[in-house]
Amino acid sequence: MASSIEFRDFILDQLSKLKYITCKQMMGEYLLYLNGKLFGGIYDNRLLIKMTKSNKKYNLRAEIPYEKAKPMYLVDNVDDIDYLDKIVIDTCIDL
């Protein structure tokens, strides 16, 4: 199942305080970058981020974005803008 444009737009709006966020469509899903660093994506209307040392402290649940992919962390509290910003920044510290 592909992610909806509406969910993509919602996530991008939630992350709009961070400068240099970019999004690339890939096979019905969306890859997310901060300053050119791939930190996560939108898969099946779920925000998933790469697993790093710096974002372990959030105790996020691991999920598979698509078949045969490495696990990523599911960010399910996408309504809290400050929380999202911290997670993205912490993730990118290690990338």
Protein backbone atom coordinates (compact mmCIF):
# COMPACT_ATOMS: atom_id res chain seq x y z
CA MET A 1 0.00 0.00 0.00
CA ALA A 2 1.42 3.37 -0.97
CA SER A 3 1.46 6.36 1.35
CA SER A 4 -1.01 9.15 0.74
CA ILE A 5 -0.01 12.61 -0.40
CA GLU A 6 -2.08 13.99 2.48
CA PHE A 7 -0.02 12.10 5.07
CA ARG A 8 3.21 13.16 3.36
CA ASP A 9 2.09 16.79 3.41
CA PHE A 10 1.10 16.49 7.09
CA ILE A 11 4.53 15.10 8.06
CA LEU A 12 6.36 17.74 6.03
CA ASP A 13 4.25 20.43 7.70
CA GLN A 14 5.07 18.97 11.13
CA LEU A 15 8.78 19.10 10.27
CA SER A 16 8.65 22.57 8.72
CA LYS A 17 10.53 24.22 11.63
CA LEU A 18 13.61 22.25 10.60
CA LYS A 19 15.38 23.91 7.71
CA TYR A 20 16.56 21.92 4.73
CA ILE A 21 14.07 19.06 4.97
CA THR A 22 13.57 17.49 1.57
CA CYS A 23 11.39 14.65 0.39
CA LYS A 24 11.80 12.35 -2.61
CA GLN A 25 9.13 10.03 -3.89
CA MET A 26 10.24 6.44 -4.36
CA MET A 27 7.84 3.74 -5.58
CA GLY A 28 4.77 5.17 -3.85
CA GLU A 29 6.63 5.99 -0.64
CA TYR A 30 8.68 9.01 0.44
CA LEU A 31 12.30 9.32 1.55
CA LEU A 32 13.10 12.10 4.02
CA TYR A 33 16.37 14.03 4.18
CA LEU A 34 17.78 16.69 6.49
CA ASN A 35 20.67 18.66 4.99
CA GLY A 36 21.06 15.92 2.40
CA LYS A 37 21.20 13.10 4.97
CA LEU A 38 18.65 10.34 4.56
CA PHE A 39 17.17 9.91 8.03
CA GLY A 40 13.92 8.11 7.37
CA GLY A 41 10.83 7.89 5.27
CA ILE A 42 7.10 7.58 5.02
CA TYR A 43 6.05 4.00 4.37
CA ASP A 44 2.40 2.89 4.31
CA ASN A 45 1.41 6.16 6.05
CA ARG A 46 3.92 5.55 8.86
CA LEU A 47 6.86 7.78 9.74
CA LEU A 48 9.92 5.55 10.13
CA ILE A 49 13.44 6.71 11.00
CA LYS A 50 16.80 4.99 10.87
CA MET A 51 18.01 3.32 14.05
CA THR A 52 20.96 5.13 15.65
CA LYS A 53 22.63 5.31 19.05
CA SER A 54 21.29 8.80 19.65
CA ASN A 55 17.62 7.95 19.11
CA LYS A 56 17.50 4.77 21.22
CA LYS A 57 16.50 6.87 24.23
CA TYR A 58 13.03 7.43 22.75
CA ASN A 59 12.15 3.73 23.14
CA LEU A 60 10.49 3.54 19.74
CA ARG A 61 9.14 0.30 18.32
CA ALA A 62 11.07 -1.31 15.47
CA GLU A 63 9.15 -2.00 12.27
CA ILE A 64 10.02 -3.13 8.78
CA PRO A 65 9.33 -0.47 6.13
CA TYR A 66 8.96 -3.00 3.31
CA GLU A 67 9.81 -6.63 2.60
CA LYS A 68 13.51 -7.53 3.04
CA ALA A 69 14.39 -4.08 4.45
CA LYS A 70 16.30 -3.35 7.64
CA PRO A 71 14.15 -2.46 10.65
CA MET A 72 13.54 1.18 11.40
CA TYR A 73 11.94 2.99 14.31
CA LEU A 74 8.27 3.89 14.09
CA VAL A 75 7.49 7.43 15.24
CA ASP A 76 3.84 7.23 16.20
CA ASN A 77 3.57 10.56 18.05
CA VAL A 78 3.60 12.69 14.92
CA ASP A 79 1.35 15.37 16.43
CA ASP A 80 4.07 16.74 18.76
CA ILE A 81 6.21 19.03 16.58
CA ASP A 82 8.96 19.60 19.17
CA TYR A 83 9.23 15.85 19.82
CA LEU A 84 9.57 15.17 16.08
CA ASP A 85 12.24 17.82 15.68
CA LYS A 86 14.30 16.33 18.53
CA ILE A 87 14.05 12.80 17.14
CA VAL A 88 15.12 13.89 13.65
CA ILE A 89 18.04 15.94 14.96
CA ASP A 90 19.18 13.13 17.27
CA THR A 91 18.93 10.64 14.41
CA CYS A 92 20.99 12.81 12.08
CA ILE A 93 23.74 13.31 14.69
CA ASP A 94 24.87 9.73 14.09
CA LEU A 95 24.46 9.67 10.32
